[in-house]
C-alpha atoms as a PDB file:
ATOM      1  CA  MET A   1      -8.349  -0.123  16.753  1.00  0.00           C
ATOM      2  CA  THR A   2     -10.920   0.829  14.130  1.00  0.00           C
ATOM      3  CA  THR A   3     -12.295  -1.919  11.883  1.00  0.00           C
ATOM      4  CA  VAL A   4     -13.454   0.564   9.236  1.00  0.00           C
ATOM      5  CA  TRP A   5     -11.230   2.646   6.955  1.00  0.00           C
ATOM      6  CA  ARG A   6     -13.089   5.880   6.207  1.00  0.00           C
ATOM      7  CA  THR A   7     -12.384   7.172   2.715  1.00  0.00           C
ATOM      8  CA  THR A   8     -13.877   9.714   0.333  1.00  0.00           C
ATOM      9  CA  ARG A   9     -16.759   7.530  -0.876  1.00  0.00           C
ATOM     10  CA  PHE A  10     -16.428   4.223   0.962  1.00  0.00           C
ATOM     11  CA  ALA A  11     -16.303   2.919   4.522  1.00  0.00           C
ATOM     12  CA  ILE A  12     -13.995  -0.051   3.928  1.00  0.00           C
ATOM     13  CA  ASP A  13     -14.645  -3.009   6.233  1.00  0.00           C
ATOM     14  CA  LEU A  14     -11.300  -4.094   7.663  1.00  0.00           C
ATOM     15  CA  ALA A  15     -12.810  -7.001   9.584  1.00  0.00           C
ATOM     16  CA  ARG A  16     -12.114  -8.914   6.376  1.00  0.00           C
ATOM     17  CA  PRO A  17      -8.606  -8.585   4.893  1.00  0.00           C
ATOM     18  CA  GLN A  18      -8.674  -6.251   1.905  1.00  0.00           C
ATOM     19  CA  VAL A  19      -6.730  -6.863  -1.303  1.00  0.00           C
ATOM     20  CA  MET A  20      -5.339  -3.729  -2.955  1.00  0.00           C
ATOM     21  CA  GLY A  21      -4.486  -4.310  -6.618  1.00  0.00           C
ATOM     22  CA  ILE A  22      -1.507  -2.447  -8.079  1.00  0.00           C
ATOM     23  CA  VAL A  23      -2.018  -0.389 -11.240  1.00  0.00           C
ATOM     24  CA  ASN A  24       1.319   1.072 -12.360  1.00  0.00           C
ATOM     25  CA  VAL A  25       0.866   3.739 -15.038  1.00  0.00           C
ATOM     26  CA  THR A  26       4.619   3.863 -15.551  1.00  0.00           C
ATOM     27  CA  PRO A  27       7.207   2.767 -18.117  1.00  0.00           C
ATOM     28  CA  ASP A  28       9.780   1.699 -15.507  1.00  0.00           C
ATOM     29  CA  SER A  29       8.269   0.060 -12.410  1.00  0.00           C
ATOM     30  CA  PHE A  30      10.439  -2.777 -11.124  1.00  0.00           C
ATOM     31  CA  SER A  31       8.000  -5.591 -11.956  1.00  0.00           C
ATOM     32  CA  ASP A  32       5.473  -4.505 -14.582  1.00  0.00           C
ATOM     33  CA  GLY A  33       6.849  -1.247 -15.970  1.00  0.00           C
ATOM     34  CA  GLY A  34       5.293  -0.420 -19.325  1.00  0.00           C
ATOM     35  CA  ALA A  35       2.669  -3.160 -19.127  1.00  0.00           C
ATOM     36  CA  HIS A  36      -0.170  -0.716 -18.384  1.00  0.00           C
ATOM     37  CA  ALA A  37       1.438   2.627 -19.246  1.00  0.00           C
ATOM     38  CA  SER A  38      -1.357   3.911 -21.504  1.00  0.00           C
ATOM     39  CA  THR A  39      -4.653   5.159 -20.091  1.00  0.00           C
ATOM     40  CA  GLU A  40      -6.542   2.463 -21.974  1.00  0.00           C
ATOM     41  CA  GLY A  41      -4.172  -0.260 -20.808  1.00  0.00           C
ATOM     42  CA  ALA A  42      -4.336   0.914 -17.214  1.00  0.00           C
ATOM     43  CA  LEU A  43      -8.132   0.954 -17.236  1.00  0.00           C
ATOM     44  CA  ARG A  44      -8.264  -2.535 -18.743  1.00  0.00           C
ATOM     45  CA  HIS A  45      -5.974  -3.654 -15.935  1.00  0.00           C
ATOM     46  CA  CYS A  46      -8.253  -1.982 -13.368  1.00  0.00           C
ATOM     47  CA  VAL A  47     -11.222  -3.944 -14.667  1.00  0.00           C
ATOM     48  CA  GLN A  48      -9.212  -7.167 -14.761  1.00  0.00           C
ATOM     49  CA  LEU A  49      -8.096  -6.736 -11.149  1.00  0.00           C
ATOM     50  CA  MET A  50     -11.685  -6.085 -10.072  1.00  0.00           C
ATOM     51  CA  GLU A  51     -12.796  -9.250 -11.841  1.00  0.00           C
ATOM     52  CA  GLU A  52     -10.042 -11.132 -10.017  1.00  0.00           C
ATOM     53  CA  GLY A  53     -11.370  -9.895  -6.678  1.00  0.00           C
ATOM     54  CA  ALA A  54      -9.502  -6.683  -5.859  1.00  0.00           C
ATOM     55  CA  ASP A  55     -11.194  -4.651  -3.133  1.00  0.00           C
ATOM     56  CA  ILE A  56      -9.173  -1.475  -3.810  1.00  0.00           C
ATOM     57  CA  LEU A  57      -7.274  -0.163  -6.839  1.00  0.00           C
ATOM     58  CA  ASP A  58      -3.949   1.617  -6.234  1.00  0.00           C
ATOM     59  CA  ILE A  59      -2.916   3.795  -9.182  1.00  0.00           C
ATOM     60  CA  GLY A  60       0.608   5.161  -9.423  1.00  0.00           C
ATOM     61  CA  GLY A  61       2.379   7.316 -11.983  1.00  0.00           C
ATOM     62  CA  GLU A  62       5.942   7.268 -10.635  1.00  0.00           C
ATOM     63  CA  SER A  63       8.188   4.281 -10.061  1.00  0.00           C
ATOM     64  CA  THR A  64       9.726   4.103  -6.591  1.00  0.00           C
ATOM     65  CA  ARG A  65      11.994   1.125  -7.220  1.00  0.00           C
ATOM     66  CA  PRO A  66      15.496   1.518  -5.734  1.00  0.00           C
ATOM     67  CA  GLY A  67      17.499   4.015  -7.776  1.00  0.00           C
ATOM     68  CA  SER A  68      14.527   5.316  -9.737  1.00  0.00           C
ATOM     69  CA  PRO A  69      14.650   9.009 -10.710  1.00  0.00           C
ATOM     70  CA  ALA A  70      11.952  11.434  -9.619  1.00  0.00           C
ATOM     71  CA  VAL A  71       9.242  12.160 -12.174  1.00  0.00           C
ATOM     72  CA  PRO A  72       8.344  15.792 -12.987  1.00  0.00           C
ATOM     73  CA  LEU A  73       4.972  16.947 -11.700  1.00  0.00           C
ATOM     74  CA  GLU A  74       3.480  17.532 -15.153  1.00  0.00           C
ATOM     75  CA  VAL A  75       4.479  14.037 -16.292  1.00  0.00           C
ATOM     76  CA  GLU A  76       2.889  12.359 -13.270  1.00  0.00           C
ATOM     77  CA  LEU A  77      -0.299  14.384 -13.678  1.00  0.00           C
ATOM     78  CA  ALA A  78      -0.503  13.471 -17.364  1.00  0.00           C
ATOM     79  CA  ARG A  79      -0.137   9.783 -16.521  1.00  0.00           C
ATOM     80  CA  VAL A  80      -2.448   9.598 -13.541  1.00  0.00           C
ATOM     81  CA  LEU A  81      -5.337  12.025 -14.034  1.00  0.00           C
ATOM     82  CA  PRO A  82      -6.920  10.379 -17.115  1.00  0.00           C
ATOM     83  CA  VAL A  83      -6.855   7.000 -15.378  1.00  0.00           C
ATOM     84  CA  VAL A  84      -8.291   8.282 -12.096  1.00  0.00           C
ATOM     85  CA  ARG A  85     -10.987  10.236 -13.938  1.00  0.00           C
ATOM     86  CA  GLU A  86     -12.347   6.963 -15.367  1.00  0.00           C
ATOM     87  CA  ALA A  87     -11.433   4.625 -12.504  1.00  0.00           C
ATOM     88  CA  VAL A  88     -13.662   6.485 -10.028  1.00  0.00           C
ATOM     89  CA  LYS A  89     -16.606   5.393 -12.181  1.00  0.00           C
ATOM     90  CA  LEU A  90     -15.901   1.708 -11.465  1.00  0.00           C
ATOM     91  CA  GLN A  91     -17.564   1.738  -8.028  1.00  0.00           C
ATOM     92  CA  VAL A  92     -14.529   0.486  -6.160  1.00  0.00           C
ATOM     93  CA  PRO A  93     -12.265   2.458  -3.809  1.00  0.00           C
ATOM     94  CA  VAL A  94      -9.518   4.223  -5.778  1.00  0.00           C
ATOM     95  CA  SER A  95      -6.170   4.904  -4.131  1.00  0.00           C
ATOM     96  CA  VAL A  96      -3.452   7.048  -5.699  1.00  0.00           C
ATOM     97  CA  ASP A  97       0.191   6.352  -4.924  1.00  0.00           C
ATOM     98  CA  THR A  98       1.836   9.791  -4.848  1.00  0.00           C
ATOM     99  CA  TYR A  99       3.875  12.058  -2.584  1.00  0.00           C
ATOM    100  CA  LYS A 100       3.273  15.330  -4.444  1.00  0.00           C
ATOM    101  CA  PRO A 101       0.642  17.606  -2.850  1.00  0.00           C
ATOM    102  CA  GLU A 102      -0.354  18.962  -6.255  1.00  0.00           C
ATOM    103  CA  VAL A 103      -1.194  15.449  -7.435  1.00  0.00           C
ATOM    104  CA  MET A 104      -3.024  14.708  -4.191  1.00  0.00           C
ATOM    105  CA  ARG A 105      -5.266  17.726  -4.590  1.00  0.00           C
ATOM    106  CA  ALA A 106      -5.903  16.994  -8.265  1.00  0.00           C
ATOM    107  CA  VAL A 107      -6.918  13.355  -7.771  1.00  0.00           C
ATOM    108  CA  LEU A 108      -9.021  14.152  -4.712  1.00  0.00           C
ATOM    109  CA  ASP A 109     -10.842  16.768  -6.790  1.00  0.00           C
ATOM    110  CA  LEU A 110     -11.644  13.959  -9.240  1.00  0.00           C
ATOM    111  CA  GLY A 111     -13.129  11.833  -6.461  1.00  0.00           C
ATOM    112  CA  ALA A 112     -10.223   9.544  -5.516  1.00  0.00           C
ATOM    113  CA  ASP A 113     -10.776   7.831  -2.184  1.00  0.00           C
ATOM    114  CA  ILE A 114      -7.275   7.319  -0.753  1.00  0.00           C
ATOM    115  CA  VAL A 115      -3.852   8.965  -0.851  1.00  0.00           C
ATOM    116  CA  ASN A 116      -1.067   6.394  -0.482  1.00  0.00           C
ATOM    117  CA  ASP A 117       2.202   8.233   0.246  1.00  0.00           C
ATOM    118  CA  ILE A 118       5.624   6.567   0.465  1.00  0.00           C
ATOM    119  CA  TRP A 119       6.920   9.745   2.134  1.00  0.00           C
ATOM    120  CA  ALA A 120       4.185   9.664   4.818  1.00  0.00           C
ATOM    121  CA  LEU A 121       3.257  13.267   3.967  1.00  0.00           C
ATOM    122  CA  ARG A 122       6.734  14.680   4.684  1.00  0.00           C
ATOM    123  CA  GLN A 123       6.872  16.682   1.458  1.00  0.00           C
ATOM    124  CA  PRO A 124       6.054  20.389   1.983  1.00  0.00           C
ATOM    125  CA  GLY A 125       2.304  20.943   1.808  1.00  0.00           C
ATOM    126  CA  ALA A 126       1.366  17.254   1.586  1.00  0.00           C
ATOM    127  CA  MET A 127      -0.045  16.891   5.089  1.00  0.00           C
ATOM    128  CA  GLN A 128      -2.066  20.055   4.674  1.00  0.00           C
ATOM    129  CA  ALA A 129      -3.380  18.845   1.305  1.00  0.00           C
ATOM    130  CA  VAL A 130      -4.982  15.714   2.767  1.00  0.00           C
ATOM    131  CA  ALA A 131      -5.976  17.320   6.062  1.00  0.00           C
ATOM    132  CA  ALA A 132      -7.954  19.919   4.116  1.00  0.00           C
ATOM    133  CA  HIS A 133     -10.051  17.174   2.529  1.00  0.00           C
ATOM    134  CA  PRO A 134     -13.096  16.283   4.635  1.00  0.00           C
ATOM    135  CA  SER A 135     -12.944  12.507   4.303  1.00  0.00           C
ATOM    136  CA  CYS A 136     -10.187  10.957   2.160  1.00  0.00           C
ATOM    137  CA  GLY A 137      -8.380   7.873   3.414  1.00  0.00           C
ATOM    138  CA  ILE A 138      -4.624   8.140   3.961  1.00  0.00           C
ATOM    139  CA  CYS A 139      -1.867   5.522   4.009  1.00  0.00           C
ATOM    140  CA  LEU A 140       1.376   6.613   5.674  1.00  0.00           C
ATOM    141  CA  MET A 141       4.454   4.577   4.736  1.00  0.00           C
ATOM    142  CA  HIS A 142       7.883   4.413   6.331  1.00  0.00           C
ATOM    143  CA  MET A 143      10.811   5.000   3.974  1.00  0.00           C
ATOM    144  CA  HIS A 144      14.449   5.380   4.967  1.00  0.00           C
ATOM    145  CA  ARG A 145      16.196   8.090   2.920  1.00  0.00           C
ATOM    146  CA  ASP A 146      14.701   8.287  -0.630  1.00  0.00           C
ATOM    147  CA  PRO A 147      14.226   5.970  -3.630  1.00  0.00           C
ATOM    148  CA  GLN A 148      17.531   7.090  -5.144  1.00  0.00           C
ATOM    149  CA  THR A 149      19.633   6.177  -2.083  1.00  0.00           C
ATOM    150  CA  MET A 150      17.528   3.978   0.210  1.00  0.00           C
ATOM    151  CA  GLN A 151      19.139   0.652  -0.692  1.00  0.00           C
ATOM    152  CA  ALA A 152      22.636   2.104  -1.093  1.00  0.00           C
ATOM    153  CA  ALA A 153      22.627   2.916   2.630  1.00  0.00           C
ATOM    154  CA  PRO A 154      19.858   0.969   4.409  1.00  0.00           C
ATOM    155  CA  MET A 155      18.950   1.271   8.064  1.00  0.00           C
ATOM    156  CA  ASP A 156      21.073  -0.083  10.903  1.00  0.00           C
ATOM    157  CA  GLY A 157      20.111  -2.419  13.730  1.00  0.00           C
ATOM    158  CA  ASP A 158      16.634  -3.137  15.052  1.00  0.00           C
ATOM    159  CA  VAL A 159      14.234  -1.282  12.766  1.00  0.00           C
ATOM    160  CA  VAL A 160      10.935  -2.198  14.420  1.00  0.00           C
ATOM    161  CA  PRO A 161      10.929   0.487  17.159  1.00  0.00           C
ATOM    162  CA  GLU A 162      12.113   3.171  14.724  1.00  0.00           C
ATOM    163  CA  VAL A 163       9.492   2.293  12.104  1.00  0.00           C
ATOM    164  CA  ARG A 164       6.733   2.213  14.702  1.00  0.00           C
ATOM    165  CA  GLY A 165       7.841   5.485  16.289  1.00  0.00           C
ATOM    166  CA  PHE A 166       8.025   7.294  12.957  1.00  0.00           C
ATOM    167  CA  LEU A 167       4.596   6.113  11.812  1.00  0.00           C
ATOM    168  CA  GLU A 168       3.056   7.015  15.172  1.00  0.00           C
ATOM    169  CA  ARG A 169       4.505  10.524  14.965  1.00  0.00           C
ATOM    170  CA  GLN A 170       3.148  11.079  11.458  1.00  0.00           C
ATOM    171  CA  ALA A 171      -0.282   9.739  12.369  1.00  0.00           C
ATOM    172  CA  ARG A 172      -0.444  11.932  15.460  1.00  0.00           C
ATOM    173  CA  ALA A 173       0.617  14.964  13.428  1.00  0.00           C
ATOM    174  CA  LEU A 174      -2.300  14.300  11.088  1.00  0.00           C
ATOM    175  CA  ALA A 175      -4.644  13.947  14.041  1.00  0.00           C
ATOM    176  CA  GLY A 176      -3.375  17.317  15.250  1.00  0.00           C
ATOM    177  CA  LEU A 177      -4.688  18.812  12.010  1.00  0.00           C
ATOM    178  CA  GLY A 178      -8.142  17.384  12.671  1.00  0.00           C
ATOM    179  CA  VAL A 179      -7.910  14.140  10.674  1.00  0.00           C
ATOM    180  CA  GLU A 180      -9.932  11.357  12.310  1.00  0.00           C
ATOM    181  CA  ALA A 181      -8.051   8.186  13.238  1.00  0.00           C
ATOM    182  CA  SER A 182     -10.463   6.103  11.142  1.00  0.00           C
ATOM    183  CA  ARG A 183      -9.044   7.719   7.976  1.00  0.00           C
ATOM    184  CA  ILE A 184      -5.464   6.569   8.655  1.00  0.00           C
ATOM    185  CA  VAL A 185      -3.656   3.314   7.804  1.00  0.00           C
ATOM    186  CA  LEU A 186       0.063   2.622   8.343  1.00  0.00           C
ATOM    187  CA  ASP A 187       2.554   0.806   6.094  1.00  0.00           C
ATOM    188  CA  PRO A 188       5.986  -0.292   7.422  1.00  0.00           C
ATOM    189  CA  GLY A 189       7.527   0.121   3.957  1.00  0.00           C
ATOM    190  CA  ILE A 190       8.898  -3.312   3.150  1.00  0.00           C
ATOM    191  CA  GLY A 191      11.997  -2.873   0.995  1.00  0.00           C
ATOM    192  CA  PHE A 192      12.240   0.880   1.403  1.00  0.00           C
ATOM    193  CA  GLY A 193      15.680   1.281   2.924  1.00  0.00           C
ATOM    194  CA  LYS A 194      15.749  -1.983   4.896  1.00  0.00           C
ATOM    195  CA  THR A 195      17.893  -5.081   4.599  1.00  0.00           C
ATOM    196  CA  VAL A 196      16.391  -8.500   3.882  1.00  0.00           C
ATOM    197  CA  ALA A 197      16.687  -9.479   7.542  1.00  0.00           C
ATOM    198  CA  GLN A 198      15.092  -6.202   8.656  1.00  0.00           C
ATOM    199  CA  ASN A 199      12.150  -6.709   6.307  1.00  0.00           C
ATOM    200  CA  PHE A 200      11.479 -10.163   7.703  1.00  0.00           C
ATOM    201  CA  SER A 201      11.879  -8.816  11.221  1.00  0.00           C
ATOM    202  CA  LEU A 202       9.061  -6.370  10.478  1.00  0.00           C
ATOM    203  CA  LEU A 203       6.920  -9.313   9.379  1.00  0.00           C
ATOM    204  CA  ALA A 204       7.823 -11.545  12.322  1.00  0.00           C
ATOM    205  CA  ARG A 205       7.164  -8.713  14.806  1.00  0.00           C
ATOM    206  CA  GLN A 206       4.286  -7.102  12.944  1.00  0.00           C
ATOM    207  CA  ARG A 207       2.044  -7.157  16.009  1.00  0.00           C
ATOM    208  CA  GLU A 208       4.391  -4.667  17.663  1.00  0.00           C
ATOM    209  CA  LEU A 209       3.499  -2.247  14.875  1.00  0.00           C
ATOM    210  CA  LEU A 210      -0.208  -2.943  15.357  1.00  0.00           C
ATOM    211  CA  ALA A 211       0.154  -1.952  18.998  1.00  0.00           C
ATOM    212  CA  ALA A 212       0.459   1.647  17.783  1.00  0.00           C
ATOM    213  CA  GLY A 213      -3.308   1.536  17.300  1.00  0.00           C
ATOM    214  CA  TRP A 214      -3.840   1.972  13.568  1.00  0.00           C
ATOM    215  CA  PRO A 215      -4.623  -0.673  10.895  1.00  0.00           C
ATOM    216  CA  LEU A 216      -1.686  -1.931   8.868  1.00  0.00           C
ATOM    217  CA  LEU A 217      -1.109  -2.283   5.132  1.00  0.00           C
ATOM    218  CA  ALA A 218       1.560  -4.773   4.020  1.00  0.00           C
ATOM    219  CA  GLY A 219       3.270  -4.523   0.631  1.00  0.00           C
ATOM    220  CA  TRP A 220       5.432  -7.594   0.002  1.00  0.00           C
ATOM    221  CA  SER A 221       4.443  -8.275  -3.587  1.00  0.00           C
ATOM    222  CA  ARG A 222       7.400  -9.359  -5.762  1.00  0.00           C
ATOM    223  CA  LYS A 223       9.882  -7.431  -3.588  1.00  0.00           C
ATOM    224  CA  SER A 224      13.611  -8.098  -3.820  1.00  0.00           C
ATOM    225  CA  SER A 225      13.675  -9.586  -0.323  1.00  0.00           C
ATOM    226  CA  ILE A 226      11.449 -12.363  -1.622  1.00  0.00           C
ATOM    227  CA  GLY A 227      13.866 -12.864  -4.479  1.00  0.00           C
ATOM    228  CA  SER A 228      16.774 -12.989  -2.031  1.00  0.00           C
ATOM    229  CA  VAL A 229      15.343 -15.794   0.114  1.00  0.00           C
ATOM    230  CA  THR A 230      13.922 -17.823  -2.782  1.00  0.00           C
ATOM    231  CA  GLY A 231      16.595 -17.318  -5.425  1.00  0.00           C
ATOM    232  CA  ILE A 232      13.955 -16.172  -7.937  1.00  0.00           C
ATOM    233  CA  ALA A 233      15.659 -13.387  -9.870  1.00  0.00           C
ATOM    234  CA  GLU A 234      12.770 -12.302 -12.116  1.00  0.00           C
ATOM    235  CA  ALA A 235      10.238 -10.197 -10.204  1.00  0.00           C
ATOM    236  CA  GLY A 236       7.357 -11.430 -12.362  1.00  0.00           C
ATOM    237  CA  GLU A 237       8.077 -15.010 -11.322  1.00  0.00           C
ATOM    238  CA  ARG A 238       7.696 -14.349  -7.586  1.00  0.00           C
ATOM    239  CA  THR A 239       3.936 -14.906  -7.448  1.00  0.00           C
ATOM    240  CA  VAL A 240       3.923 -17.938  -5.141  1.00  0.00           C
ATOM    241  CA  PRO A 241       6.264 -16.542  -2.460  1.00  0.00           C
ATOM    242  CA  SER A 242       4.540 -13.147  -2.716  1.00  0.00           C
ATOM    243  CA  VAL A 243       1.207 -14.787  -1.961  1.00  0.00           C
ATOM    244  CA  ALA A 244       2.804 -16.651   0.947  1.00  0.00           C
ATOM    245  CA  ALA A 245       4.109 -13.368   2.357  1.00  0.00           C
ATOM    246  CA  ALA A 246       0.682 -11.741   1.988  1.00  0.00           C
ATOM    247  CA  VAL A 247      -0.996 -14.578   3.900  1.00  0.00           C
ATOM    248  CA  LEU A 248       1.659 -14.446   6.631  1.00  0.00           C
ATOM    249  CA  ALA A 249       1.116 -10.684   6.929  1.00  0.00           C
ATOM    250  CA  VAL A 250      -2.657 -11.113   7.243  1.00  0.00           C
ATOM    251  CA  ASP A 251      -2.191 -13.919   9.777  1.00  0.00           C
ATOM    252  CA  ARG A 252      -0.121 -11.483  11.842  1.00  0.00           C
ATOM    253  CA  GLY A 253      -2.828  -8.834  11.713  1.00  0.00           C
ATOM    254  CA  ALA A 254      -2.423  -6.840   8.484  1.00  0.00           C
ATOM    255  CA  ALA A 255      -5.758  -5.419   7.347  1.00  0.00           C
ATOM    256  CA  ILE A 256      -4.753  -4.709   3.738  1.00  0.00           C
ATOM    257  CA  VAL A 257      -2.269  -6.341   1.390  1.00  0.00           C
ATOM    258  CA  ARG A 258      -1.027  -4.472  -1.681  1.00  0.00           C
ATOM    259  CA  VAL A 259      -0.367  -6.984  -4.477  1.00  0.00           C
ATOM    260  CA  HIS A 260       0.254  -7.498  -8.183  1.00  0.00           C
ATOM    261  CA  ASP A 261      -1.216 -11.016  -8.241  1.00  0.00           C
ATOM    262  CA  VAL A 262      -4.786 -10.416  -7.136  1.00  0.00           C
ATOM    263  CA  ARG A 263      -6.465 -13.653  -8.213  1.00  0.00           C
ATOM    264  CA  GLU A 264      -3.887 -15.828  -6.485  1.00  0.00           C
ATOM    265  CA  THR A 265      -3.884 -13.722  -3.312  1.00  0.00           C
ATOM    266  CA  VAL A 266      -7.683 -13.722  -3.072  1.00  0.00           C
ATOM    267  CA  ALA A 267      -7.737 -17.524  -3.428  1.00  0.00           C
ATOM    268  CA  ALA A 268      -5.051 -18.010  -0.778  1.00  0.00           C
ATOM    269  CA  LEU A 269      -6.842 -15.697   1.647  1.00  0.00           C
ATOM    270  CA  ALA A 270     -10.062 -17.686   1.159  1.00  0.00           C
ATOM    271  CA  VAL A 271      -8.197 -20.731   2.503  1.00  0.00           C
ATOM    272  CA  TRP A 272      -6.771 -18.682   5.378  1.00  0.00           C
ATOM    273  CA  ARG A 273     -10.239 -17.300   6.173  1.00  0.00           C
ATOM    274  CA  ALA A 274     -11.811 -20.770   6.283  1.00  0.00           C
ATOM    275  CA  MET A 275      -9.166 -21.870   8.764  1.00  0.00           C
ATOM    276  CA  ALA A 276      -9.563 -18.704  10.859  1.00  0.00           C
ATOM    277  CA  GLU A 277     -13.335 -19.154  11.018  1.00  0.00           C
ATOM    278  CA  GLN A 278     -12.908 -22.693  12.301  1.00  0.00           C
ATOM    279  CA  GLU A 279     -10.436 -21.522  14.921  1.00  0.00           C
ATOM    280  CA  GLN A 280     -12.912 -18.900  16.067  1.00  0.00           C
ATOM    281  CA  GLU A 281     -15.717 -21.465  16.157  1.00  0.00           C
ATOM    282  CA  GLN A 282     -13.642 -23.790  18.335  1.00  0.00           C
ATOM    283  CA  GLU A 283     -12.781 -20.950  20.730  1.00  0.00           C
ATOM    284  CA  THR A 284     -16.464 -20.007  21.004  1.00  0.00           C
ATOM    285  CA  ASN A 285     -17.690 -23.585  21.368  1.00  0.00           C
ATOM    286  CA  PRO A 286     -14.829 -25.633  22.844  1.00  0.00           C
END
């Protein structure tokens, strides 16, 4: 498995877990909707996340919380393009969370580094849009059904083989269009059409997903499954269990964690890293 994620401008070192900070340029995201909806507010948040230790910024202009309506193309472009235009000047990898090929092409033309697609490039023209780019990074996510219906009728049974098989098929389809494996990262889609038990099964058996051969991104931050097992109803109050889930994901091999609470996650991973280094030292010099 590659230890470098090749993107438009950066070769991201995945030997060290990467923290992707969430920048929602939306009025209705499940946790922080409206908090950074203006271009100025979103850019201030970008800078704040960088100061807190974010390795990657993930900018999104459409909420994908359960039941959320689709956003018209022109609205998403109006939200995202001004932010991306300035964010690419910050000298940090910029990811854009979108499934629309028109948005993909527009942000890549502005210099964005990564396309992060909840639909795993299943929308017409999306796979061709990223394959045509010579070097952008791509994150393929598993989603059952769509944001409007995914939690009304979640998956049945053991989801791990189905999630792995789907992500492998999409990654291989990209490879068939000439996209190098080092540009691709996979995301099992925690919360996207899975039950609480299924989400935690994906975490417990995460190494089965890694066996597919591509690096893994884990997005547990403030998700409803965390609320279900902790009893914390307010998404914004789920920082501590979200950080715990991020560390557990990294300990099970995730290369990237997508989070709202960057400072806290970076601090927790520093503790994890110190422990991991000592384990490695003991294995080398028993």
